[in-house]
PDB file of all heavy atoms in Angstrom:
ATOM      1  N   GLN A   1     117.875 -51.829  22.865  1.00  0.00           N
ATOM      2  CA  GLN A   1     119.318 -51.515  22.887  1.00  0.00           C
ATOM      3  C   GLN A   1     120.118 -52.320  23.858  1.00  0.00           C
ATOM      4  O   GLN A   1     121.372 -52.524  23.626  1.00  0.00           O
ATOM      5  CB  GLN A   1     119.485 -49.978  23.201  1.00  0.00           C
ATOM      6  CG  GLN A   1     118.695 -49.076  22.298  1.00  0.00           C
ATOM      7  CD  GLN A   1     118.992 -49.318  20.806  1.00  0.00           C
ATOM      8  OE1 GLN A   1     120.103 -49.720  20.441  1.00  0.00           O
ATOM      9  NE2 GLN A   1     117.997 -49.097  19.946  1.00  0.00           N
ATOM     10  N   ASN A   2     119.513 -52.860  24.884  1.00  0.00           N
ATOM     11  CA  ASN A   2     120.294 -53.658  25.854  1.00  0.00           C
ATOM     12  C   ASN A   2     119.863 -55.086  25.963  1.00  0.00           C
ATOM     13  O   ASN A   2     120.333 -55.823  26.815  1.00  0.00           O
ATOM     14  CB  ASN A   2     120.280 -52.940  27.250  1.00  0.00           C
ATOM     15  CG  ASN A   2     118.909 -52.909  27.867  1.00  0.00           C
ATOM     16  OD1 ASN A   2     117.989 -53.538  27.409  1.00  0.00           O
ATOM     17  ND2 ASN A   2     118.805 -52.055  28.856  1.00  0.00           N
ATOM     18  N   LEU A   3     118.941 -55.543  25.124  1.00  0.00           N
ATOM     19  CA  LEU A   3     118.463 -56.883  25.161  1.00  0.00           C
ATOM     20  C   LEU A   3     119.521 -57.903  24.759  1.00  0.00           C
ATOM     21  O   LEU A   3     120.213 -57.697  23.755  1.00  0.00           O
ATOM     22  CB  LEU A   3     117.214 -57.071  24.242  1.00  0.00           C
ATOM     23  CG  LEU A   3     116.685 -58.498  24.134  1.00  0.00           C
ATOM     24  CD1 LEU A   3     116.196 -58.988  25.444  1.00  0.00           C
ATOM     25  CD2 LEU A   3     115.513 -58.508  23.071  1.00  0.00           C
ATOM     26  N   GLN A   4     119.641 -58.920  25.539  1.00  0.00           N
ATOM     27  CA  GLN A   4     120.607 -60.019  25.216  1.00  0.00           C
ATOM     28  C   GLN A   4     119.773 -61.295  24.952  1.00  0.00           C
ATOM     29  O   GLN A   4     118.916 -61.661  25.745  1.00  0.00           O
ATOM     30  CB  GLN A   4     121.565 -60.241  26.359  1.00  0.00           C
ATOM     31  CG  GLN A   4     122.468 -59.097  26.700  1.00  0.00           C
ATOM     32  CD  GLN A   4     123.468 -58.776  25.528  1.00  0.00           C
ATOM     33  OE1 GLN A   4     124.209 -59.707  25.124  1.00  0.00           O
ATOM     34  NE2 GLN A   4     123.448 -57.571  25.071  1.00  0.00           N
ATOM     35  N   VAL A   5     119.998 -61.899  23.804  1.00  0.00           N
ATOM     36  CA  VAL A   5     119.371 -63.171  23.487  1.00  0.00           C
ATOM     37  C   VAL A   5     120.453 -64.312  23.621  1.00  0.00           C
ATOM     38  O   VAL A   5     121.493 -64.043  24.174  1.00  0.00           O
ATOM     39  CB  VAL A   5     118.733 -63.153  22.085  1.00  0.00           C
ATOM     40  CG1 VAL A   5     117.648 -62.129  22.004  1.00  0.00           C
ATOM     41  CG2 VAL A   5     119.817 -62.857  21.003  1.00  0.00           C
ATOM     42  N   GLY A   6     120.102 -65.500  23.169  1.00  0.00           N
ATOM     43  CA  GLY A   6     121.087 -66.571  23.316  1.00  0.00           C
ATOM     44  C   GLY A   6     122.442 -66.265  22.650  1.00  0.00           C
ATOM     45  O   GLY A   6     122.448 -65.515  21.602  1.00  0.00           O
ATOM     46  N   LYS A   7     123.517 -66.767  23.191  1.00  0.00           N
ATOM     47  CA  LYS A   7     124.833 -66.461  22.727  1.00  0.00           C
ATOM     48  C   LYS A   7     125.009 -66.704  21.191  1.00  0.00           C
ATOM     49  O   LYS A   7     125.582 -65.911  20.500  1.00  0.00           O
ATOM     50  CB  LYS A   7     125.895 -67.233  23.492  1.00  0.00           C
ATOM     51  CG  LYS A   7     127.315 -66.957  23.106  1.00  0.00           C
ATOM     52  CD  LYS A   7     128.286 -67.785  23.957  1.00  0.00           C
ATOM     53  CE  LYS A   7     129.736 -67.520  23.509  1.00  0.00           C
ATOM     54  NZ  LYS A   7     130.685 -68.376  24.329  1.00  0.00           N
ATOM     55  N   ASP A   8     124.482 -67.828  20.733  1.00  0.00           N
ATOM     56  CA  ASP A   8     124.618 -68.112  19.303  1.00  0.00           C
ATOM     57  C   ASP A   8     123.831 -67.217  18.424  1.00  0.00           C
ATOM     58  O   ASP A   8     124.172 -67.018  17.233  1.00  0.00           O
ATOM     59  CB  ASP A   8     124.204 -69.605  19.060  1.00  0.00           C
ATOM     60  CG  ASP A   8     125.133 -70.621  19.705  1.00  0.00           C
ATOM     61  OD1 ASP A   8     126.266 -70.218  20.022  1.00  0.00           O
ATOM     62  OD2 ASP A   8     124.720 -71.764  19.846  1.00  0.00           O
ATOM     63  N   LEU A   9     122.741 -66.621  18.939  1.00  0.00           N
ATOM     64  CA  LEU A   9     121.854 -65.823  18.144  1.00  0.00           C
ATOM     65  C   LEU A   9     122.086 -64.326  18.353  1.00  0.00           C
ATOM     66  O   LEU A   9     121.521 -63.512  17.571  1.00  0.00           O
ATOM     67  CB  LEU A   9     120.389 -66.129  18.476  1.00  0.00           C
ATOM     68  CG  LEU A   9     119.953 -67.559  18.069  1.00  0.00           C
ATOM     69  CD1 LEU A   9     118.511 -67.833  18.575  1.00  0.00           C
ATOM     70  CD2 LEU A   9     119.980 -67.697  16.520  1.00  0.00           C
ATOM     71  N   GLN A  10     122.944 -63.955  19.266  1.00  0.00           N
ATOM     72  CA  GLN A  10     123.184 -62.542  19.490  1.00  0.00           C
ATOM     73  C   GLN A  10     123.721 -61.809  18.223  1.00  0.00           C
ATOM     74  O   GLN A  10     123.284 -60.737  17.954  1.00  0.00           O
ATOM     75  CB  GLN A  10     124.152 -62.301  20.669  1.00  0.00           C
ATOM     76  CG  GLN A  10     124.245 -60.901  21.130  1.00  0.00           C
ATOM     77  CD  GLN A  10     122.916 -60.405  21.790  1.00  0.00           C
ATOM     78  OE1 GLN A  10     122.268 -61.124  22.537  1.00  0.00           O
ATOM     79  NE2 GLN A  10     122.509 -59.191  21.445  1.00  0.00           N
ATOM     80  N   PRO A  11     124.659 -62.446  17.471  1.00  0.00           N
ATOM     81  CA  PRO A  11     125.069 -61.758  16.236  1.00  0.00           C
ATOM     82  C   PRO A  11     123.938 -61.509  15.281  1.00  0.00           C
ATOM     83  O   PRO A  11     123.865 -60.496  14.571  1.00  0.00           O
ATOM     84  CB  PRO A  11     126.065 -62.726  15.634  1.00  0.00           C
ATOM     85  CG  PRO A  11     126.614 -63.497  16.854  1.00  0.00           C
ATOM     86  CD  PRO A  11     125.448 -63.654  17.741  1.00  0.00           C
ATOM     87  N   LEU A  12     122.993 -62.440  15.149  1.00  0.00           N
ATOM     88  CA  LEU A  12     121.829 -62.236  14.306  1.00  0.00           C
ATOM     89  C   LEU A  12     120.988 -61.090  14.800  1.00  0.00           C
ATOM     90  O   LEU A  12     120.559 -60.245  14.013  1.00  0.00           O
ATOM     91  CB  LEU A  12     120.963 -63.533  14.224  1.00  0.00           C
ATOM     92  CG  LEU A  12     119.647 -63.428  13.440  1.00  0.00           C
ATOM     93  CD1 LEU A  12     119.906 -63.020  11.995  1.00  0.00           C
ATOM     94  CD2 LEU A  12     118.911 -64.773  13.527  1.00  0.00           C
ATOM     95  N   TYR A  13     120.748 -61.085  16.109  1.00  0.00           N
ATOM     96  CA  TYR A  13     119.979 -59.979  16.741  1.00  0.00           C
ATOM     97  C   TYR A  13     120.669 -58.637  16.439  1.00  0.00           C
ATOM     98  O   TYR A  13     119.999 -57.661  16.047  1.00  0.00           O
ATOM     99  CB  TYR A  13     119.855 -60.212  18.221  1.00  0.00           C
ATOM    100  CG  TYR A  13     119.170 -59.082  18.963  1.00  0.00           C
ATOM    101  CD1 TYR A  13     117.747 -59.065  19.141  1.00  0.00           C
ATOM    102  CD2 TYR A  13     119.866 -57.941  19.399  1.00  0.00           C
ATOM    103  CE1 TYR A  13     117.107 -58.049  19.731  1.00  0.00           C
ATOM    104  CE2 TYR A  13     119.233 -56.875  20.035  1.00  0.00           C
ATOM    105  CZ  TYR A  13     117.881 -56.916  20.188  1.00  0.00           C
ATOM    106  OH  TYR A  13     117.205 -55.886  20.777  1.00  0.00           O
ATOM    107  N   ASP A  14     121.982 -58.561  16.662  1.00  0.00           N
ATOM    108  CA  ASP A  14     122.716 -57.311  16.504  1.00  0.00           C
ATOM    109  C   ASP A  14     122.611 -56.838  15.027  1.00  0.00           C
ATOM    110  O   ASP A  14     122.474 -55.643  14.747  1.00  0.00           O
ATOM    111  CB  ASP A  14     124.147 -57.445  16.889  1.00  0.00           C
ATOM    112  CG  ASP A  14     124.324 -57.698  18.417  1.00  0.00           C
ATOM    113  OD1 ASP A  14     123.369 -57.309  19.154  1.00  0.00           O
ATOM    114  OD2 ASP A  14     125.335 -58.198  18.815  1.00  0.00           O
ATOM    115  N   TYR A  15     122.702 -57.815  14.084  1.00  0.00           N
ATOM    116  CA  TYR A  15     122.584 -57.445  12.668  1.00  0.00           C
ATOM    117  C   TYR A  15     121.265 -56.867  12.365  1.00  0.00           C
ATOM    118  O   TYR A  15     121.140 -55.828  11.710  1.00  0.00           O
ATOM    119  CB  TYR A  15     122.875 -58.693  11.820  1.00  0.00           C
ATOM    120  CG  TYR A  15     122.422 -58.547  10.391  1.00  0.00           C
ATOM    121  CD1 TYR A  15     123.115 -57.712   9.531  1.00  0.00           C
ATOM    122  CD2 TYR A  15     121.268 -59.148   9.928  1.00  0.00           C
ATOM    123  CE1 TYR A  15     122.673 -57.538   8.173  1.00  0.00           C
ATOM    124  CE2 TYR A  15     120.801 -58.982   8.651  1.00  0.00           C
ATOM    125  CZ  TYR A  15     121.503 -58.150   7.751  1.00  0.00           C
ATOM    126  OH  TYR A  15     121.068 -57.986   6.469  1.00  0.00           O
ATOM    127  N   LEU A  16     120.192 -57.548  12.801  1.00  0.00           N
ATOM    128  CA  LEU A  16     118.845 -57.026  12.526  1.00  0.00           C
ATOM    129  C   LEU A  16     118.608 -55.684  13.170  1.00  0.00           C
ATOM    130  O   LEU A  16     117.954 -54.793  12.560  1.00  0.00           O
ATOM    131  CB  LEU A  16     117.776 -58.050  13.012  1.00  0.00           C
ATOM    132  CG  LEU A  16     117.744 -59.357  12.183  1.00  0.00           C
ATOM    133  CD1 LEU A  16     116.818 -60.339  12.888  1.00  0.00           C
ATOM    134  CD2 LEU A  16     117.289 -59.096  10.740  1.00  0.00           C
ATOM    135  N   ASN A  17     119.150 -55.467  14.371  1.00  0.00           N
ATOM    136  CA  ASN A  17     118.965 -54.225  15.021  1.00  0.00           C
ATOM    137  C   ASN A  17     119.692 -53.107  14.313  1.00  0.00           C
ATOM    138  O   ASN A  17     119.179 -52.011  14.093  1.00  0.00           O
ATOM    139  CB  ASN A  17     119.514 -54.330  16.440  1.00  0.00           C
ATOM    140  CG  ASN A  17     119.121 -53.109  17.336  1.00  0.00           C
ATOM    141  OD1 ASN A  17     118.167 -52.411  17.059  1.00  0.00           O
ATOM    142  ND2 ASN A  17     119.942 -52.907  18.365  1.00  0.00           N
ATOM    143  N   GLN A  18     120.901 -53.368  13.853  1.00  0.00           N
ATOM    144  CA  GLN A  18     121.739 -52.373  13.131  1.00  0.00           C
ATOM    145  C   GLN A  18     121.092 -52.014  11.774  1.00  0.00           C
ATOM    146  O   GLN A  18     121.264 -50.872  11.316  1.00  0.00           O
ATOM    147  CB  GLN A  18     123.128 -52.893  12.971  1.00  0.00           C
ATOM    148  CG  GLN A  18     123.940 -52.928  14.251  1.00  0.00           C
ATOM    149  CD  GLN A  18     125.223 -53.758  14.162  1.00  0.00           C
ATOM    150  OE1 GLN A  18     125.646 -54.105  13.050  1.00  0.00           O
ATOM    151  NE2 GLN A  18     125.854 -54.046  15.252  1.00  0.00           N
ATOM    152  N   ARG A  19     120.449 -52.951  11.142  1.00  0.00           N
ATOM    153  CA  ARG A  19     119.817 -52.654   9.861  1.00  0.00           C
ATOM    154  C   ARG A  19     118.491 -51.923   9.989  1.00  0.00           C
ATOM    155  O   ARG A  19     117.851 -51.555   8.990  1.00  0.00           O
ATOM    156  CB  ARG A  19     119.658 -53.899   8.997  1.00  0.00           C
ATOM    157  CG  ARG A  19     118.476 -54.823   9.414  1.00  0.00           C
ATOM    158  CD  ARG A  19     118.462 -56.108   8.595  1.00  0.00           C
ATOM    159  NE  ARG A  19     118.018 -55.870   7.255  1.00  0.00           N
ATOM    160  CZ  ARG A  19     116.750 -55.891   6.841  1.00  0.00           C
ATOM    161  NH1 ARG A  19     115.760 -56.053   7.758  1.00  0.00           N
ATOM    162  NH2 ARG A  19     116.453 -55.710   5.564  1.00  0.00           N
ATOM    163  N   GLY A  20     118.006 -51.688  11.218  1.00  0.00           N
ATOM    164  CA  GLY A  20     116.816 -50.931  11.455  1.00  0.00           C
ATOM    165  C   GLY A  20     115.580 -51.760  11.487  1.00  0.00           C
ATOM    166  O   GLY A  20     114.442 -51.177  11.433  1.00  0.00           O
ATOM    167  N   SER A  21     115.657 -53.086  11.622  1.00  0.00           N
ATOM    168  CA  SER A  21     114.427 -53.896  11.697  1.00  0.00           C
ATOM    169  C   SER A  21     113.708 -53.748  12.995  1.00  0.00           C
ATOM    170  O   SER A  21     112.500 -53.964  13.052  1.00  0.00           O
ATOM    171  CB  SER A  21     114.817 -55.355  11.504  1.00  0.00           C
ATOM    172  OG  SER A  21     115.423 -55.625  10.246  1.00  0.00           O
ATOM    173  N   PHE A  22     114.389 -53.300  14.038  1.00  0.00           N
ATOM    174  CA  PHE A  22     113.777 -53.067  15.318  1.00  0.00           C
ATOM    175  C   PHE A  22     113.758 -51.581  15.623  1.00  0.00           C
ATOM    176  O   PHE A  22     114.786 -50.895  15.460  1.00  0.00           O
ATOM    177  CB  PHE A  22     114.544 -53.774  16.441  1.00  0.00           C
ATOM    178  CG  PHE A  22     114.821 -55.216  16.228  1.00  0.00           C
ATOM    179  CD1 PHE A  22     115.999 -55.791  16.617  1.00  0.00           C
ATOM    180  CD2 PHE A  22     113.872 -56.038  15.567  1.00  0.00           C
ATOM    181  CE1 PHE A  22     116.281 -57.122  16.392  1.00  0.00           C
ATOM    182  CE2 PHE A  22     114.132 -57.382  15.354  1.00  0.00           C
ATOM    183  CZ  PHE A  22     115.347 -57.965  15.766  1.00  0.00           C
ATOM    184  N   VAL A  23     112.629 -51.060  16.045  1.00  0.00           N
ATOM    185  CA  VAL A  23     112.499 -49.679  16.384  1.00  0.00           C
ATOM    186  C   VAL A  23     112.249 -49.563  17.892  1.00  0.00           C
ATOM    187  O   VAL A  23     111.241 -50.113  18.387  1.00  0.00           O
ATOM    188  CB  VAL A  23     111.370 -48.968  15.637  1.00  0.00           C
ATOM    189  CG1 VAL A  23     111.254 -47.506  16.082  1.00  0.00           C
ATOM    190  CG2 VAL A  23     111.602 -49.044  14.140  1.00  0.00           C
ATOM    191  N   ASP A  24     113.141 -48.981  18.604  1.00  0.00           N
ATOM    192  CA  ASP A  24     113.080 -48.897  20.049  1.00  0.00           C
ATOM    193  C   ASP A  24     112.073 -47.781  20.424  1.00  0.00           C
ATOM    194  O   ASP A  24     112.226 -46.585  20.082  1.00  0.00           O
ATOM    195  CB  ASP A  24     114.444 -48.525  20.628  1.00  0.00           C
ATOM    196  CG  ASP A  24     114.504 -48.510  22.132  1.00  0.00           C
ATOM    197  OD1 ASP A  24     113.563 -49.122  22.769  1.00  0.00           O
ATOM    198  OD2 ASP A  24     115.428 -47.884  22.679  1.00  0.00           O
ATOM    199  N   LEU A  25     110.995 -48.187  21.153  1.00  0.00           N
ATOM    200  CA  LEU A  25     109.989 -47.212  21.529  1.00  0.00           C
ATOM    201  C   LEU A  25     110.430 -46.575  22.914  1.00  0.00           C
ATOM    202  O   LEU A  25     109.985 -46.908  23.989  1.00  0.00           O
ATOM    203  CB  LEU A  25     108.651 -47.883  21.706  1.00  0.00           C
ATOM    204  CG  LEU A  25     108.054 -48.482  20.409  1.00  0.00           C
ATOM    205  CD1 LEU A  25     106.712 -49.128  20.644  1.00  0.00           C
ATOM    206  CD2 LEU A  25     107.946 -47.396  19.342  1.00  0.00           C
ATOM    207  N   ASP A  26     111.386 -45.666  22.732  1.00  0.00           N
ATOM    208  CA  ASP A  26     111.890 -44.954  23.879  1.00  0.00           C
ATOM    209  C   ASP A  26     111.003 -43.865  24.389  1.00  0.00           C
ATOM    210  O   ASP A  26     111.297 -43.140  25.400  1.00  0.00           O
ATOM    211  CB  ASP A  26     113.292 -44.373  23.576  1.00  0.00           C
ATOM    212  CG  ASP A  26     113.305 -43.480  22.397  1.00  0.00           C
ATOM    213  OD1 ASP A  26     112.220 -43.233  21.799  1.00  0.00           O
ATOM    214  OD2 ASP A  26     114.417 -43.009  22.017  1.00  0.00           O
ATOM    215  N   ASN A  27     109.841 -43.683  23.696  1.00  0.00           N
ATOM    216  CA  ASN A  27     108.893 -42.615  24.129  1.00  0.00           C
ATOM    217  C   ASN A  27     107.782 -43.220  25.012  1.00  0.00           C
ATOM    218  O   ASN A  27     106.701 -42.661  25.072  1.00  0.00           O
ATOM    219  CB  ASN A  27     108.274 -41.938  22.866  1.00  0.00           C
ATOM    220  CG  ASN A  27     107.762 -42.937  21.870  1.00  0.00           C
ATOM    221  OD1 ASN A  27     108.104 -44.148  21.924  1.00  0.00           O
ATOM    222  ND2 ASN A  27     106.899 -42.465  20.951  1.00  0.00           N
ATOM    223  N   TYR A  28     108.061 -44.284  25.662  1.00  0.00           N
ATOM    224  CA  TYR A  28     107.081 -45.005  26.492  1.00  0.00           C
ATOM    225  C   TYR A  28     106.736 -44.245  27.755  1.00  0.00           C
ATOM    226  O   TYR A  28     107.482 -43.305  28.164  1.00  0.00           O
ATOM    227  CB  TYR A  28     107.581 -46.401  26.811  1.00  0.00           C
ATOM    228  CG  TYR A  28     108.762 -46.451  27.733  1.00  0.00           C
ATOM    229  CD1 TYR A  28     108.660 -46.651  29.078  1.00  0.00           C
ATOM    230  CD2 TYR A  28     110.086 -46.272  27.201  1.00  0.00           C
ATOM    231  CE1 TYR A  28     109.763 -46.641  29.965  1.00  0.00           C
ATOM    232  CE2 TYR A  28     111.192 -46.297  28.036  1.00  0.00           C
ATOM    233  CZ  TYR A  28     111.000 -46.514  29.402  1.00  0.00           C
ATOM    234  OH  TYR A  28     112.120 -46.511  30.267  1.00  0.00           O
ATOM    235  N   THR A  29     105.714 -44.697  28.446  1.00  0.00           N
ATOM    236  CA  THR A  29     105.358 -44.126  29.726  1.00  0.00           C
ATOM    237  C   THR A  29     105.904 -45.035  30.851  1.00  0.00           C
ATOM    238  O   THR A  29     105.404 -46.144  31.052  1.00  0.00           O
ATOM    239  CB  THR A  29     103.816 -44.028  29.868  1.00  0.00           C
ATOM    240  OG1 THR A  29     103.279 -43.265  28.773  1.00  0.00           O
ATOM    241  CG2 THR A  29     103.398 -43.351  31.179  1.00  0.00           C
ATOM    242  N   PRO A  30     106.910 -44.573  31.611  1.00  0.00           N
ATOM    243  CA  PRO A  30     107.531 -45.447  32.601  1.00  0.00           C
ATOM    244  C   PRO A  30     106.586 -46.047  33.612  1.00  0.00           C
ATOM    245  O   PRO A  30     106.750 -47.169  34.031  1.00  0.00           O
ATOM    246  CB  PRO A  30     108.545 -44.520  33.264  1.00  0.00           C
ATOM    247  CG  PRO A  30     108.855 -43.514  32.199  1.00  0.00           C
ATOM    248  CD  PRO A  30     107.537 -43.293  31.471  1.00  0.00           C
ATOM    249  N   ASP A  31     105.557 -45.289  34.049  1.00  0.00           N
ATOM    250  CA  ASP A  31     104.662 -45.749  35.108  1.00  0.00           C
ATOM    251  C   ASP A  31     103.822 -46.952  34.641  1.00  0.00           C
ATOM    252  O   ASP A  31     103.283 -47.668  35.496  1.00  0.00           O
ATOM    253  CB  ASP A  31     103.708 -44.617  35.522  1.00  0.00           C
ATOM    254  CG  ASP A  31     104.452 -43.496  36.286  1.00  0.00           C
ATOM    255  OD1 ASP A  31     105.540 -43.711  36.711  1.00  0.00           O
ATOM    256  OD2 ASP A  31     103.815 -42.413  36.431  1.00  0.00           O
ATOM    257  N   TYR A  32     103.770 -47.196  33.341  1.00  0.00           N
ATOM    258  CA  TYR A  32     102.959 -48.285  32.818  1.00  0.00           C
ATOM    259  C   TYR A  32     103.688 -49.618  32.821  1.00  0.00           C
ATOM    260  O   TYR A  32     103.089 -50.700  32.678  1.00  0.00           O
ATOM    261  CB  TYR A  32     102.472 -47.993  31.416  1.00  0.00           C
ATOM    262  CG  TYR A  32     101.445 -46.872  31.316  1.00  0.00           C
ATOM    263  CD1 TYR A  32     101.116 -46.328  30.085  1.00  0.00           C
ATOM    264  CD2 TYR A  32     100.799 -46.390  32.427  1.00  0.00           C
ATOM    265  CE1 TYR A  32     100.197 -45.296  29.986  1.00  0.00           C
ATOM    266  CE2 TYR A  32      99.848 -45.394  32.382  1.00  0.00           C
ATOM    267  CZ  TYR A  32      99.576 -44.827  31.096  1.00  0.00           C
ATOM    268  OH  TYR A  32      98.626 -43.827  31.007  1.00  0.00           O
ATOM    269  N   LEU A  33     104.997 -49.602  32.915  1.00  0.00           N
ATOM    270  CA  LEU A  33     105.782 -50.827  32.740  1.00  0.00           C
ATOM    271  C   LEU A  33     105.425 -51.974  33.694  1.00  0.00           C
ATOM    272  O   LEU A  33     105.484 -53.126  33.337  1.00  0.00           O
ATOM    273  CB  LEU A  33     107.289 -50.502  32.822  1.00  0.00           C
ATOM    274  CG  LEU A  33     107.863 -49.726  31.641  1.00  0.00           C
ATOM    275  CD1 LEU A  33     109.417 -49.631  31.812  1.00  0.00           C
ATOM    276  CD2 LEU A  33     107.545 -50.331  30.307  1.00  0.00           C
ATOM    277  N   PRO A  34     105.070 -51.682  34.943  1.00  0.00           N
ATOM    278  CA  PRO A  34     104.735 -52.786  35.841  1.00  0.00           C
ATOM    279  C   PRO A  34     103.375 -53.442  35.592  1.00  0.00           C
ATOM    280  O   PRO A  34     103.087 -54.488  36.140  1.00  0.00           O
ATOM    281  CB  PRO A  34     104.728 -52.127  37.236  1.00  0.00           C
ATOM    282  CG  PRO A  34     105.434 -50.857  37.071  1.00  0.00           C
ATOM    283  CD  PRO A  34     105.155 -50.422  35.699  1.00  0.00           C
ATOM    284  N   ILE A  35     102.537 -52.847  34.723  1.00  0.00           N
ATOM    285  CA  ILE A  35     101.188 -53.360  34.496  1.00  0.00           C
ATOM    286  C   ILE A  35     101.170 -54.549  33.600  1.00  0.00           C
ATOM    287  O   ILE A  35     101.724 -54.525  32.486  1.00  0.00           O
ATOM    288  CB  ILE A  35     100.308 -52.231  33.931  1.00  0.00           C
ATOM    289  CG1 ILE A  35     100.219 -51.066  34.935  1.00  0.00           C
ATOM    290  CG2 ILE A  35      98.885 -52.766  33.594  1.00  0.00           C
ATOM    291  CD1 ILE A  35      99.472 -49.855  34.404  1.00  0.00           C
ATOM    292  N   LEU A  36     100.492 -55.626  34.053  1.00  0.00           N
ATOM    293  CA  LEU A  36     100.372 -56.870  33.272  1.00  0.00           C
ATOM    294  C   LEU A  36      98.916 -57.243  33.182  1.00  0.00           C
ATOM    295  O   LEU A  36      98.189 -57.172  34.176  1.00  0.00           O
ATOM    296  CB  LEU A  36     101.213 -57.987  33.898  1.00  0.00           C
ATOM    297  CG  LEU A  36     102.704 -57.777  34.028  1.00  0.00           C
ATOM    298  CD1 LEU A  36     103.300 -58.907  34.880  1.00  0.00           C
ATOM    299  CD2 LEU A  36     103.378 -57.671  32.686  1.00  0.00           C
ATOM    300  N   SER A  37      98.476 -57.734  32.034  1.00  0.00           N
ATOM    301  CA  SER A  37      97.058 -58.112  31.874  1.00  0.00           C
ATOM    302  C   SER A  37      96.644 -59.151  32.879  1.00  0.00           C
ATOM    303  O   SER A  37      95.520 -59.104  33.430  1.00  0.00           O
ATOM    304  CB  SER A  37      96.817 -58.651  30.399  1.00  0.00           C
ATOM    305  OG  SER A  37      96.859 -57.598  29.498  1.00  0.00           O
TER     306      SER A  37
END
């Protein structure tokens, strides 16, 4: 919902997001976010 890509490509991103191509996994576990392989 708050991701910003390159200026020229932001309209494409917004279009794909609005059509439902991206599903935001807002049910994530916050404590896991700092973990990297």
